[in-house]
């Protein structure tokens, strides 16, 4: 398992105002400091499997949405 914010119990995606951007606060940081799912620190603590699965699903939807948006091509 990758030790990143996306799999850490301290990463609070549900409560994040920028969840649609894949950014969330860490319980161990100031609430206005938002961290991407790939963030890492020495305080990592594995989240329960159901939480990890829900995050993986949510982040995959965000990636798919971004890919569809980019399919239109850029000038």
Protein backbone atom coordinates (compact mmCIF):
# COMPACT_ATOMS: atom_id res chain seq x y z
CA UNK A 1 0.00 0.00 0.00
CA UNK A 2 1.24 3.46 -0.88
CA UNK A 3 1.81 5.64 2.17
CA UNK A 4 0.21 8.81 0.83
CA UNK A 5 -2.48 11.19 2.05
CA UNK A 6 -5.11 9.33 0.02
CA UNK A 7 -4.64 6.27 2.24
CA UNK A 8 -4.17 8.12 5.55
CA UNK A 9 -6.81 8.40 8.24
CA UNK A 10 -5.84 12.04 8.90
CA UNK A 11 -6.65 13.26 5.36
CA UNK A 12 -10.18 14.72 5.49
CA UNK A 13 -11.53 14.62 1.91
CA UNK A 14 -15.20 14.53 2.98
CA UNK A 15 -14.94 17.81 4.90
CA UNK A 16 -12.91 19.61 2.23
CA UNK A 17 -14.30 22.63 0.40
CA UNK A 18 -12.04 21.68 -2.52
CA UNK A 19 -12.85 17.96 -2.63
CA UNK A 20 -13.85 18.35 -6.29
CA UNK A 21 -10.26 19.34 -6.96
CA UNK A 22 -8.91 16.38 -4.99
CA UNK A 23 -7.50 18.61 -2.25
CA UNK A 24 -8.19 18.08 1.45
CA UNK A 25 -7.02 19.16 4.86
CA UNK A 26 -5.06 17.00 7.26
CA UNK A 27 -6.24 16.69 10.87
CA UNK A 28 -2.66 17.33 11.93
CA UNK A 29 -2.32 20.61 9.98
CA UNK A 30 -4.10 23.94 9.98
CA UNK A 31 -7.54 23.54 8.39
CA UNK A 32 -6.75 26.02 5.59
CA UNK A 33 -3.71 24.02 4.45
CA UNK A 34 -4.98 21.70 1.72
CA UNK A 35 -2.94 18.72 0.57
CA UNK A 36 -3.17 16.64 -2.62
CA UNK A 37 -3.80 12.88 -2.42
CA UNK A 38 -0.16 12.20 -3.31
CA UNK A 39 1.11 14.16 -0.30
CA UNK A 40 3.22 12.33 2.28
CA UNK A 41 4.47 12.86 5.83
CA UNK A 42 5.95 10.95 8.75
CA UNK A 43 2.59 10.92 10.62
CA UNK A 44 0.87 8.60 8.09
CA UNK A 45 -1.69 6.26 9.65
CA UNK A 46 -3.57 3.79 7.44
CA UNK A 47 -7.27 4.47 6.98
CA UNK A 48 -9.79 1.64 7.06
CA UNK A 49 -10.21 -0.22 3.74
CA UNK A 50 -13.76 1.11 3.15
CA UNK A 51 -12.51 4.70 3.45
CA UNK A 52 -9.62 4.03 1.09
CA UNK A 53 -11.94 2.39 -1.45
CA UNK A 54 -14.33 5.36 -1.33
CA UNK A 55 -11.44 7.80 -1.84
CA UNK A 56 -10.03 5.78 -4.74
CA UNK A 57 -13.46 5.79 -6.38
CA UNK A 58 -13.92 9.55 -5.85
CA UNK A 59 -10.44 10.40 -7.16
CA UNK A 60 -10.94 8.12 -10.20
CA UNK A 61 -14.14 10.01 -11.03
CA UNK A 62 -12.24 13.30 -10.79
CA UNK A 63 -9.51 11.95 -13.12
CA UNK A 64 -12.12 10.70 -15.61
CA UNK A 65 -13.88 14.06 -15.57
CA UNK A 66 -10.60 15.89 -16.18
CA UNK A 67 -9.74 13.51 -19.04
CA UNK A 68 -13.13 14.11 -20.70
CA UNK A 69 -12.67 17.84 -20.32
CA UNK A 70 -9.25 17.63 -21.99
CA UNK A 71 -10.51 15.42 -24.86
CA UNK A 72 -12.05 18.49 -26.46
CA UNK A 73 -8.53 19.58 -27.29
CA UNK A 74 -6.75 22.80 -26.64
CA UNK A 75 -6.01 25.48 -29.19
